[in-house]
Amino acid sequence: MLPDNVNVEDVIRIVPGSLREKVRDKSGSTSYPGLPSRYTLHWVKAYVDGLPVEDFCTDEDEYNDCGAGGYSSTAVTVKKHFWTGGAIQT
């Protein structure tokens, strides 16, 4: 989370033309069997000031209502994100 006095446009610069999209349709949902689902994933290449040079991971702790199944009822089940960086080929 960025501090309130930091403008996101000053920290993140998306490479023009780098947006990629993948749409995945599924015939059923674990939570709602028989309900068709559509997932749209988006990728961009970006320069982000202040990130570590080495790979790192972040733990999402904003979902504190994790039940016995180990997941939040209000979020997707991803709790840890793995980040990798490197030179962007433009």
C-alpha atoms as a PDB file:
ATOM      1  CA  MET A   1       0.000   0.000   0.000  1.00  0.00           C
ATOM      2  CA  LEU A   2       1.339   3.404  -0.963  1.00  0.00           C
ATOM      3  CA  PRO A   3       1.353   6.231   1.576  1.00  0.00           C
ATOM      4  CA  ASP A   4      -1.389   8.828   1.040  1.00  0.00           C
ATOM      5  CA  ASN A   5       1.119  11.475  -0.088  1.00  0.00           C
ATOM      6  CA  VAL A   6       2.509   9.293  -2.931  1.00  0.00           C
ATOM      7  CA  ASN A   7       0.945   9.472  -6.383  1.00  0.00           C
ATOM      8  CA  VAL A   8       0.826   6.041  -8.067  1.00  0.00           C
ATOM      9  CA  GLU A   9       1.725   7.592 -11.454  1.00  0.00           C
ATOM     10  CA  ASP A  10       5.013   8.784  -9.926  1.00  0.00           C
ATOM     11  CA  VAL A  11       5.951   5.234  -8.856  1.00  0.00           C
ATOM     12  CA  ILE A  12       4.537   2.903 -11.550  1.00  0.00           C
ATOM     13  CA  ARG A  13       5.049   3.364 -15.283  1.00  0.00           C
ATOM     14  CA  ILE A  14       3.274   0.842 -17.539  1.00  0.00           C
ATOM     15  CA  VAL A  15       5.040   0.069 -20.814  1.00  0.00           C
ATOM     16  CA  PRO A  16       2.743   1.219 -23.652  1.00  0.00           C
ATOM     17  CA  GLY A  17       1.381  -1.678 -25.716  1.00  0.00           C
ATOM     18  CA  SER A  18       2.345  -4.309 -23.125  1.00  0.00           C
ATOM     19  CA  LEU A  19      -1.185  -5.260 -22.004  1.00  0.00           C
ATOM     20  CA  ARG A  20      -1.940  -8.957 -22.502  1.00  0.00           C
ATOM     21  CA  GLU A  21      -5.264 -10.584 -21.690  1.00  0.00           C
ATOM     22  CA  LYS A  22      -6.321 -14.212 -21.331  1.00  0.00           C
ATOM     23  CA  VAL A  23      -9.954 -15.273 -20.923  1.00  0.00           C
ATOM     24  CA  ARG A  24     -10.736 -18.656 -19.414  1.00  0.00           C
ATOM     25  CA  ASP A  25     -14.243 -20.098 -19.278  1.00  0.00           C
ATOM     26  CA  LYS A  26     -15.120 -22.882 -16.853  1.00  0.00           C
ATOM     27  CA  SER A  27     -18.262 -24.946 -16.905  1.00  0.00           C
ATOM     28  CA  GLY A  28     -18.632 -25.094 -13.146  1.00  0.00           C
ATOM     29  CA  SER A  29     -17.608 -23.476  -9.919  1.00  0.00           C
ATOM     30  CA  THR A  30     -16.518 -25.189  -6.710  1.00  0.00           C
ATOM     31  CA  SER A  31     -18.794 -22.914  -4.710  1.00  0.00           C
ATOM     32  CA  TYR A  32     -21.695 -23.021  -7.159  1.00  0.00           C
ATOM     33  CA  PRO A  33     -21.692 -26.280  -9.174  1.00  0.00           C
ATOM     34  CA  GLY A  34     -23.209 -25.857 -12.626  1.00  0.00           C
ATOM     35  CA  LEU A  35     -22.713 -22.087 -12.680  1.00  0.00           C
ATOM     36  CA  PRO A  36     -20.592 -21.078 -15.689  1.00  0.00           C
ATOM     37  CA  SER A  37     -17.610 -18.929 -14.735  1.00  0.00           C
ATOM     38  CA  ARG A  38     -15.333 -16.625 -16.708  1.00  0.00           C
ATOM     39  CA  TYR A  39     -11.912 -15.541 -15.538  1.00  0.00           C
ATOM     40  CA  THR A  40     -10.065 -12.725 -17.282  1.00  0.00           C
ATOM     41  CA  LEU A  41      -6.368 -12.400 -16.483  1.00  0.00           C
ATOM     42  CA  HIS A  42      -4.422  -9.263 -17.352  1.00  0.00           C
ATOM     43  CA  TRP A  43      -0.646  -8.797 -17.588  1.00  0.00           C
ATOM     44  CA  VAL A  44       1.356  -5.635 -18.136  1.00  0.00           C
ATOM     45  CA  LYS A  45       5.038  -4.822 -18.198  1.00  0.00           C
ATOM     46  CA  ALA A  46       5.819  -1.984 -15.840  1.00  0.00           C
ATOM     47  CA  TYR A  47       8.632  -0.079 -14.218  1.00  0.00           C
ATOM     48  CA  VAL A  48       8.062   0.213 -10.469  1.00  0.00           C
ATOM     49  CA  ASP A  49      10.350   2.464  -8.453  1.00  0.00           C
ATOM     50  CA  GLY A  50      11.537   1.186  -5.093  1.00  0.00           C
ATOM     51  CA  LEU A  51      11.188  -2.591  -5.613  1.00  0.00           C
ATOM     52  CA  PRO A  52      13.983  -4.920  -4.482  1.00  0.00           C
ATOM     53  CA  VAL A  53      16.347  -6.176  -7.179  1.00  0.00           C
ATOM     54  CA  GLU A  54      15.947  -9.814  -6.064  1.00  0.00           C
ATOM     55  CA  ASP A  55      12.766 -11.913  -6.277  1.00  0.00           C
ATOM     56  CA  PHE A  56      10.432 -11.598  -3.276  1.00  0.00           C
ATOM     57  CA  CYS A  57       6.997 -12.603  -2.019  1.00  0.00           C
ATOM     58  CA  THR A  58       4.204 -10.836  -0.171  1.00  0.00           C
ATOM     59  CA  ASP A  59       1.621 -12.292   2.200  1.00  0.00           C
ATOM     60  CA  GLU A  60      -1.890 -10.900   1.969  1.00  0.00           C
ATOM     61  CA  ASP A  61      -3.163 -10.338   5.493  1.00  0.00           C
ATOM     62  CA  GLU A  62      -6.145  -8.116   4.763  1.00  0.00           C
ATOM     63  CA  TYR A  63      -8.526 -11.083   4.915  1.00  0.00           C
ATOM     64  CA  ASN A  64      -8.794 -11.941   8.579  1.00  0.00           C
ATOM     65  CA  ASP A  65     -11.989 -14.016   8.330  1.00  0.00           C
ATOM     66  CA  CYS A  66     -10.211 -17.224   7.271  1.00  0.00           C
ATOM     67  CA  GLY A  67     -12.306 -20.188   8.287  1.00  0.00           C
ATOM     68  CA  ALA A  68     -11.441 -23.816   8.916  1.00  0.00           C
ATOM     69  CA  GLY A  69     -10.746 -24.297   5.193  1.00  0.00           C
ATOM     70  CA  GLY A  70      -7.904 -21.760   5.432  1.00  0.00           C
ATOM     71  CA  TYR A  71      -9.430 -19.256   3.016  1.00  0.00           C
ATOM     72  CA  SER A  72     -11.478 -16.118   3.192  1.00  0.00           C
ATOM     73  CA  SER A  73     -15.100 -16.091   2.221  1.00  0.00           C
ATOM     74  CA  THR A  74     -14.625 -12.607   0.723  1.00  0.00           C
ATOM     75  CA  ALA A  75     -11.574 -13.205  -1.485  1.00  0.00           C
ATOM     76  CA  VAL A  76      -9.946 -15.531  -3.935  1.00  0.00           C
ATOM     77  CA  THR A  77      -7.822 -18.200  -2.275  1.00  0.00           C
ATOM     78  CA  VAL A  78      -4.433 -16.657  -3.151  1.00  0.00           C
ATOM     79  CA  LYS A  79      -2.763 -15.477   0.056  1.00  0.00           C
ATOM     80  CA  LYS A  80       0.867 -15.267  -1.096  1.00  0.00           C
ATOM     81  CA  HIS A  81       2.127 -13.536  -4.219  1.00  0.00           C
ATOM     82  CA  PHE A  82       5.541 -14.258  -5.729  1.00  0.00           C
ATOM     83  CA  TRP A  83       7.217 -11.389  -7.548  1.00  0.00           C
ATOM     84  CA  THR A  84      10.094 -11.515  -9.988  1.00  0.00           C
ATOM     85  CA  GLY A  85      11.768  -8.718 -11.836  1.00  0.00           C
ATOM     86  CA  GLY A  86      14.310  -8.075 -14.463  1.00  0.00           C
ATOM     87  CA  ALA A  87      15.039  -5.976 -17.464  1.00  0.00           C
ATOM     88  CA  ILE A  88      12.040  -5.247 -19.638  1.00  0.00           C
ATOM     89  CA  GLN A  89      12.461  -5.956 -23.316  1.00  0.00           C
ATOM     90  CA  THR A  90      10.851  -3.058 -25.176  1.00  0.00           C
END
